[in-house]
PDB file of N, CA and C in Angstrom:
ATOM      1  N   MET A   1      74.707 133.094 130.991  1.00  0.00           N
ATOM      2  CA  MET A   1      75.558 132.126 130.333  1.00  0.00           C
ATOM      3  C   MET A   1      75.008 130.733 130.636  1.00  0.00           C
ATOM      4  N   GLY A   2      74.993 129.901 129.630  1.00  0.00           N
ATOM      5  CA  GLY A   2      74.474 128.556 129.796  1.00  0.00           C
ATOM      6  C   GLY A   2      75.459 127.642 130.493  1.00  0.00           C
ATOM      7  N   ASP A   3      74.922 126.521 130.975  1.00  0.00           N
ATOM      8  CA  ASP A   3      75.747 125.556 131.699  1.00  0.00           C
ATOM      9  C   ASP A   3      76.847 124.982 130.809  1.00  0.00           C
ATOM     10  N   SER A   4      76.551 124.769 129.547  1.00  0.00           N
ATOM     11  CA  SER A   4      77.539 124.214 128.622  1.00  0.00           C
ATOM     12  C   SER A   4      78.730 125.153 128.452  1.00  0.00           C
ATOM     13  N   LYS A   5      78.450 126.424 128.286  1.00  0.00           N
ATOM     14  CA  LYS A   5      79.544 127.383 128.120  1.00  0.00           C
ATOM     15  C   LYS A   5      80.358 127.501 129.396  1.00  0.00           C
ATOM     16  N   ARG A   6      79.694 127.481 130.546  1.00  0.00           N
ATOM     17  CA  ARG A   6      80.386 127.563 131.825  1.00  0.00           C
ATOM     18  C   ARG A   6      81.299 126.348 132.011  1.00  0.00           C
ATOM     19  N   ARG A   7      80.793 125.167 131.669  1.00  0.00           N
ATOM     20  CA  ARG A   7      81.588 123.944 131.787  1.00  0.00           C
ATOM     21  C   ARG A   7      82.782 124.001 130.848  1.00  0.00           C
ATOM     22  N   LYS A   8      82.576 124.520 129.640  1.00  0.00           N
ATOM     23  CA  LYS A   8      83.657 124.621 128.663  1.00  0.00           C
ATOM     24  C   LYS A   8      84.753 125.557 129.175  1.00  0.00           C
ATOM     25  N   GLU A   9      84.375 126.661 129.788  1.00  0.00           N
ATOM     26  CA  GLU A   9      85.369 127.578 130.332  1.00  0.00           C
ATOM     27  C   GLU A   9      86.099 126.961 131.512  1.00  0.00           C
ATOM     28  N   THR A  10      85.399 126.203 132.331  1.00  0.00           N
ATOM     29  CA  THR A  10      86.008 125.590 133.514  1.00  0.00           C
ATOM     30  C   THR A  10      86.994 124.493 133.128  1.00  0.00           C
ATOM     31  N   LEU A  11      86.606 123.640 132.188  1.00  0.00           N
ATOM     32  CA  LEU A  11      87.442 122.500 131.818  1.00  0.00           C
ATOM     33  C   LEU A  11      88.566 122.878 130.860  1.00  0.00           C
ATOM     34  N   GLY A  12      88.382 123.874 130.066  1.00  0.00           N
ATOM     35  CA  GLY A  12      89.420 124.309 129.133  1.00  0.00           C
ATOM     36  C   GLY A  12      89.696 123.273 128.067  1.00  0.00           C
ATOM     37  N   ASP A  13      90.948 122.777 127.980  1.00  0.00           N
ATOM     38  CA  ASP A  13      91.350 121.815 126.951  1.00  0.00           C
ATOM     39  C   ASP A  13      90.729 120.438 127.147  1.00  0.00           C
ATOM     40  N   LYS A  14      90.315 120.125 128.352  1.00  0.00           N
ATOM     41  CA  LYS A  14      89.753 118.803 128.621  1.00  0.00           C
ATOM     42  C   LYS A  14      88.278 118.698 128.245  1.00  0.00           C
ATOM     43  N   TYR A  15      87.676 119.790 127.779  1.00  0.00           N
ATOM     44  CA  TYR A  15      86.256 119.793 127.425  1.00  0.00           C
ATOM     45  C   TYR A  15      86.004 118.857 126.240  1.00  0.00           C
ATOM     46  N   GLY A  16      85.039 117.964 126.402  1.00  0.00           N
ATOM     47  CA  GLY A  16      84.662 117.040 125.334  1.00  0.00           C
ATOM     48  C   GLY A  16      85.451 115.748 125.314  1.00  0.00           C
ATOM     49  N   GLN A  17      86.439 115.596 126.187  1.00  0.00           N
ATOM     50  CA  GLN A  17      87.228 114.370 126.243  1.00  0.00           C
ATOM     51  C   GLN A  17      86.611 113.419 127.255  1.00  0.00           C
ATOM     52  N   ASP A  18      86.782 112.124 127.010  1.00  0.00           N
ATOM     53  CA  ASP A  18      86.262 111.121 127.927  1.00  0.00           C
ATOM     54  C   ASP A  18      87.025 111.142 129.238  1.00  0.00           C
ATOM     55  N   ASP A  19      86.306 110.827 130.312  1.00  0.00           N
ATOM     56  CA  ASP A  19      86.932 110.710 131.620  1.00  0.00           C
ATOM     57  C   ASP A  19      87.620 109.356 131.729  1.00  0.00           C
ATOM     58  N   LYS A  20      88.673 109.305 132.519  1.00  0.00           N
ATOM     59  CA  LYS A  20      89.357 108.042 132.804  1.00  0.00           C
ATOM     60  C   LYS A  20      88.588 107.304 133.894  1.00  0.00           C
ATOM     61  N   ILE A  21      88.776 105.985 133.976  1.00  0.00           N
ATOM     62  CA  ILE A  21      88.130 105.207 135.019  1.00  0.00           C
ATOM     63  C   ILE A  21      88.637 105.680 136.381  1.00  0.00           C
ATOM     64  N   PHE A  22      89.956 105.795 136.513  1.00  0.00           N
ATOM     65  CA  PHE A  22      90.578 106.410 137.678  1.00  0.00           C
ATOM     66  C   PHE A  22      91.898 106.998 137.225  1.00  0.00           C
ATOM     67  N   LYS A  23      92.456 107.876 138.007  1.00  0.00           N
ATOM     68  CA  LYS A  23      93.682 108.566 137.602  1.00  0.00           C
ATOM     69  C   LYS A  23      94.790 107.562 137.325  1.00  0.00           C
ATOM     70  N   GLY A  24      95.510 107.761 136.248  1.00  0.00           N
ATOM     71  CA  GLY A  24      96.622 106.891 135.892  1.00  0.00           C
ATOM     72  C   GLY A  24      96.227 105.720 135.001  1.00  0.00           C
ATOM     73  N   ALA A  25      94.945 105.460 134.851  1.00  0.00           N
ATOM     74  CA  ALA A  25      94.506 104.344 134.009  1.00  0.00           C
ATOM     75  C   ALA A  25      94.401 104.827 132.564  1.00  0.00           C
ATOM     76  N   PRO A  26      94.924 104.048 131.624  1.00  0.00           N
ATOM     77  CA  PRO A  26      94.838 104.450 130.222  1.00  0.00           C
ATOM     78  C   PRO A  26      93.487 104.111 129.586  1.00  0.00           C
ATOM     79  N   VAL A  27      92.520 103.656 130.382  1.00  0.00           N
ATOM     80  CA  VAL A  27      91.226 103.214 129.867  1.00  0.00           C
ATOM     81  C   VAL A  27      90.169 104.259 130.209  1.00  0.00           C
ATOM     82  N   THR A  28      89.398 104.639 129.198  1.00  0.00           N
ATOM     83  CA  THR A  28      88.330 105.612 129.425  1.00  0.00           C
ATOM     84  C   THR A  28      87.034 104.895 129.786  1.00  0.00           C
ATOM     85  N   LYS A  29      86.072 105.656 130.248  1.00  0.00           N
ATOM     86  CA  LYS A  29      84.777 105.078 130.622  1.00  0.00           C
ATOM     87  C   LYS A  29      84.065 104.500 129.408  1.00  0.00           C
ATOM     88  N   THR A  30      84.218 105.136 128.270  1.00  0.00           N
ATOM     89  CA  THR A  30      83.592 104.624 127.047  1.00  0.00           C
ATOM     90  C   THR A  30      84.206 103.289 126.637  1.00  0.00           C
ATOM     91  N   GLN A  31      85.527 103.174 126.738  1.00  0.00           N
ATOM     92  CA  GLN A  31      86.190 101.911 126.402  1.00  0.00           C
ATOM     93  C   GLN A  31      85.761 100.803 127.359  1.00  0.00           C
ATOM     94  N   ALA A  32      85.633 101.120 128.629  1.00  0.00           N
ATOM     95  CA  ALA A  32      85.197 100.127 129.609  1.00  0.00           C
ATOM     96  C   ALA A  32      83.772  99.671 129.313  1.00  0.00           C
ATOM     97  N   ARG A  33      82.903 100.611 128.958  1.00  0.00           N
ATOM     98  CA  ARG A  33      81.514 100.281 128.633  1.00  0.00           C
ATOM     99  C   ARG A  33      81.459  99.383 127.393  1.00  0.00           C
ATOM    100  N   ASP A  34      82.276  99.691 126.380  1.00  0.00           N
ATOM    101  CA  ASP A  34      82.316  98.864 125.170  1.00  0.00           C
ATOM    102  C   ASP A  34      82.823  97.459 125.475  1.00  0.00           C
ATOM    103  N   PHE A  35      83.830  97.341 126.356  1.00  0.00           N
ATOM    104  CA  PHE A  35      84.353  96.027 126.723  1.00  0.00           C
ATOM    105  C   PHE A  35      83.271  95.182 127.390  1.00  0.00           C
ATOM    106  N   VAL A  36      82.522  95.787 128.292  1.00  0.00           N
ATOM    107  CA  VAL A  36      81.441  95.056 128.965  1.00  0.00           C
ATOM    108  C   VAL A  36      80.389  94.624 127.955  1.00  0.00           C
ATOM    109  N   LYS A  37      80.060  95.509 127.014  1.00  0.00           N
ATOM    110  CA  LYS A  37      79.046  95.180 126.006  1.00  0.00           C
ATOM    111  C   LYS A  37      79.494  93.989 125.150  1.00  0.00           C
ATOM    112  N   TRP A  38      80.733  94.015 124.663  1.00  0.00           N
ATOM    113  CA  TRP A  38      81.213  92.935 123.797  1.00  0.00           C
ATOM    114  C   TRP A  38      81.435  91.636 124.560  1.00  0.00           C
ATOM    115  N   SER A  39      81.911  91.716 125.801  1.00  0.00           N
ATOM    116  CA  SER A  39      82.109  90.488 126.568  1.00  0.00           C
ATOM    117  C   SER A  39      80.765  89.852 126.929  1.00  0.00           C
ATOM    118  N   THR A  40      79.736  90.666 127.150  1.00  0.00           N
ATOM    119  CA  THR A  40      78.408  90.126 127.414  1.00  0.00           C
ATOM    120  C   THR A  40      77.855  89.427 126.171  1.00  0.00           C
ATOM    121  N   ARG A  41      78.046  90.036 125.015  1.00  0.00           N
ATOM    122  CA  ARG A  41      77.616  89.388 123.765  1.00  0.00           C
ATOM    123  C   ARG A  41      78.359  88.075 123.548  1.00  0.00           C
ATOM    124  N   GLY A  42      79.648  88.065 123.828  1.00  0.00           N
ATOM    125  CA  GLY A  42      80.436  86.846 123.676  1.00  0.00           C
ATOM    126  C   GLY A  42      79.976  85.747 124.616  1.00  0.00           C
ATOM    127  N   ALA A  43      79.632  86.119 125.848  1.00  0.00           N
ATOM    128  CA  ALA A  43      79.143  85.135 126.813  1.00  0.00           C
ATOM    129  C   ALA A  43      77.833  84.523 126.349  1.00  0.00           C
ATOM    130  N   TRP A  44      76.915  85.354 125.864  1.00  0.00           N
ATOM    131  CA  TRP A  44      75.649  84.827 125.358  1.00  0.00           C
ATOM    132  C   TRP A  44      75.871  83.953 124.128  1.00  0.00           C
ATOM    133  N   GLY A  45      76.805  84.323 123.289  1.00  0.00           N
ATOM    134  CA  GLY A  45      77.128  83.486 122.133  1.00  0.00           C
ATOM    135  C   GLY A  45      77.641  82.128 122.568  1.00  0.00           C
ATOM    136  N   GLY A  46      78.480  82.103 123.593  1.00  0.00           N
ATOM    137  CA  GLY A  46      78.982  80.837 124.128  1.00  0.00           C
ATOM    138  C   GLY A  46      77.879  79.985 124.709  1.00  0.00           C
ATOM    139  N   ILE A  47      76.938  80.610 125.379  1.00  0.00           N
ATOM    140  CA  ILE A  47      75.801  79.870 125.945  1.00  0.00           C
ATOM    141  C   ILE A  47      74.975  79.245 124.832  1.00  0.00           C
ATOM    142  N   VAL A  48      74.727  79.994 123.761  1.00  0.00           N
ATOM    143  CA  VAL A  48      73.950  79.473 122.633  1.00  0.00           C
ATOM    144  C   VAL A  48      74.674  78.285 121.993  1.00  0.00           C
ATOM    145  N   LEU A  49      75.983  78.408 121.803  1.00  0.00           N
ATOM    146  CA  LEU A  49      76.748  77.300 121.226  1.00  0.00           C
ATOM    147  C   LEU A  49      76.745  76.075 122.135  1.00  0.00           C
ATOM    148  N   LEU A  50      76.824  76.277 123.443  1.00  0.00           N
ATOM    149  CA  LEU A  50      76.786  75.168 124.389  1.00  0.00           C
ATOM    150  C   LEU A  50      75.447  74.438 124.332  1.00  0.00           C
ATOM    151  N   VAL A  51      74.356  75.185 124.265  1.00  0.00           N
ATOM    152  CA  VAL A  51      73.026  74.560 124.180  1.00  0.00           C
ATOM    153  C   VAL A  51      72.887  73.798 122.863  1.00  0.00           C
ATOM    154  N   ALA A  52      73.375  74.379 121.779  1.00  0.00           N
ATOM    155  CA  ALA A  52      73.303  73.693 120.479  1.00  0.00           C
ATOM    156  C   ALA A  52      74.113  72.398 120.517  1.00  0.00           C
ATOM    157  N   TRP A  53      75.287  72.445 121.118  1.00  0.00           N
ATOM    158  CA  TRP A  53      76.124  71.249 121.222  1.00  0.00           C
ATOM    159  C   TRP A  53      75.429  70.193 122.087  1.00  0.00           C
ATOM    160  N   TRP A  54      74.830  70.624 123.198  1.00  0.00           N
ATOM    161  CA  TRP A  54      74.153  69.692 124.085  1.00  0.00           C
ATOM    162  C   TRP A  54      72.979  69.027 123.367  1.00  0.00           C
ATOM    163  N   LEU A  55      72.195  69.810 122.627  1.00  0.00           N
ATOM    164  CA  LEU A  55      71.068  69.231 121.893  1.00  0.00           C
ATOM    165  C   LEU A  55      71.547  68.222 120.855  1.00  0.00           C
ATOM    166  N   THR A  56      72.657  68.532 120.197  1.00  0.00           N
ATOM    167  CA  THR A  56      73.196  67.611 119.194  1.00  0.00           C
ATOM    168  C   THR A  56      73.639  66.302 119.836  1.00  0.00           C
ATOM    169  N   VAL A  57      74.384  66.396 120.921  1.00  0.00           N
ATOM    170  CA  VAL A  57      74.897  65.191 121.579  1.00  0.00           C
ATOM    171  C   VAL A  57      73.759  64.391 122.210  1.00  0.00           C
ATOM    172  N   ARG A  58      72.807  65.073 122.814  1.00  0.00           N
ATOM    173  CA  ARG A  58      71.761  64.383 123.569  1.00  0.00           C
ATOM    174  C   ARG A  58      70.669  63.805 122.693  1.00  0.00           C
ATOM    175  N   PHE A  59      70.248  64.497 121.655  1.00  0.00           N
ATOM    176  CA  PHE A  59      69.081  64.058 120.889  1.00  0.00           C
ATOM    177  C   PHE A  59      69.412  63.669 119.441  1.00  0.00           C
ATOM    178  N   ILE A  60      70.108  64.516 118.725  1.00  0.00           N
ATOM    179  CA  ILE A  60      70.338  64.274 117.302  1.00  0.00           C
ATOM    180  C   ILE A  60      71.346  63.150 117.098  1.00  0.00           C
ATOM    181  N   GLY A  61      72.429  63.161 117.878  1.00  0.00           N
ATOM    182  CA  GLY A  61      73.458  62.129 117.740  1.00  0.00           C
ATOM    183  C   GLY A  61      72.933  60.720 117.925  1.00  0.00           C
ATOM    184  N   PRO A  62      72.254  60.423 119.038  1.00  0.00           N
ATOM    185  CA  PRO A  62      71.715  59.066 119.218  1.00  0.00           C
ATOM    186  C   PRO A  62      70.690  58.678 118.155  1.00  0.00           C
ATOM    187  N   ALA A  63      69.910  59.647 117.675  1.00  0.00           N
ATOM    188  CA  ALA A  63      68.911  59.335 116.648  1.00  0.00           C
ATOM    189  C   ALA A  63      69.579  58.910 115.349  1.00  0.00           C
ATOM    190  N   LEU A  64      70.763  59.455 115.074  1.00  0.00           N
ATOM    191  CA  LEU A  64      71.485  59.091 113.866  1.00  0.00           C
ATOM    192  C   LEU A  64      72.486  57.968 114.099  1.00  0.00           C
ATOM    193  N   GLY A  65      72.580  57.489 115.339  1.00  0.00           N
ATOM    194  CA  GLY A  65      73.482  56.407 115.650  1.00  0.00           C
ATOM    195  C   GLY A  65      74.922  56.856 115.868  1.00  0.00           C
ATOM    196  N   TRP A  66      75.143  58.139 116.119  1.00  0.00           N
ATOM    197  CA  TRP A  66      76.516  58.619 116.310  1.00  0.00           C
ATOM    198  C   TRP A  66      77.052  58.264 117.685  1.00  0.00           C
ATOM    199  N   TRP A  67      76.218  58.469 118.714  1.00  0.00           N
ATOM    200  CA  TRP A  67      76.630  58.176 120.085  1.00  0.00           C
ATOM    201  C   TRP A  67      75.569  57.314 120.721  1.00  0.00           C
ATOM    202  N   GLU A  68      76.020  56.488 121.652  1.00  0.00           N
ATOM    203  CA  GLU A  68      75.057  55.689 122.392  1.00  0.00           C
ATOM    204  C   GLU A  68      74.881  56.316 123.763  1.00  0.00           C
ATOM    205  N   VAL A  69      73.630  56.499 124.155  1.00  0.00           N
ATOM    206  CA  VAL A  69      73.319  57.048 125.470  1.00  0.00           C
ATOM    207  C   VAL A  69      72.721  55.923 126.284  1.00  0.00           C
ATOM    208  N   SER A  70      73.319  55.674 127.430  1.00  0.00           N
ATOM    209  CA  SER A  70      72.818  54.552 128.255  1.00  0.00           C
ATOM    210  C   SER A  70      71.779  55.008 129.225  1.00  0.00           C
TER     211      SER A  70
END
């Protein structure tokens, strides 16, 4: 008998379902992994926007006369 069939017999109804992070938590490991992935993308997006804003204020704005840099 293969390992997959043995695992299926051992787990019964729970076979193929995601594991919880810890007992009692309504969050699965897959959901936690997705949250980390999306929050990391959001953080990088924020960094890109911050750099774009800084470049605008520091270089483009003074060149167009929008802000004065002393």
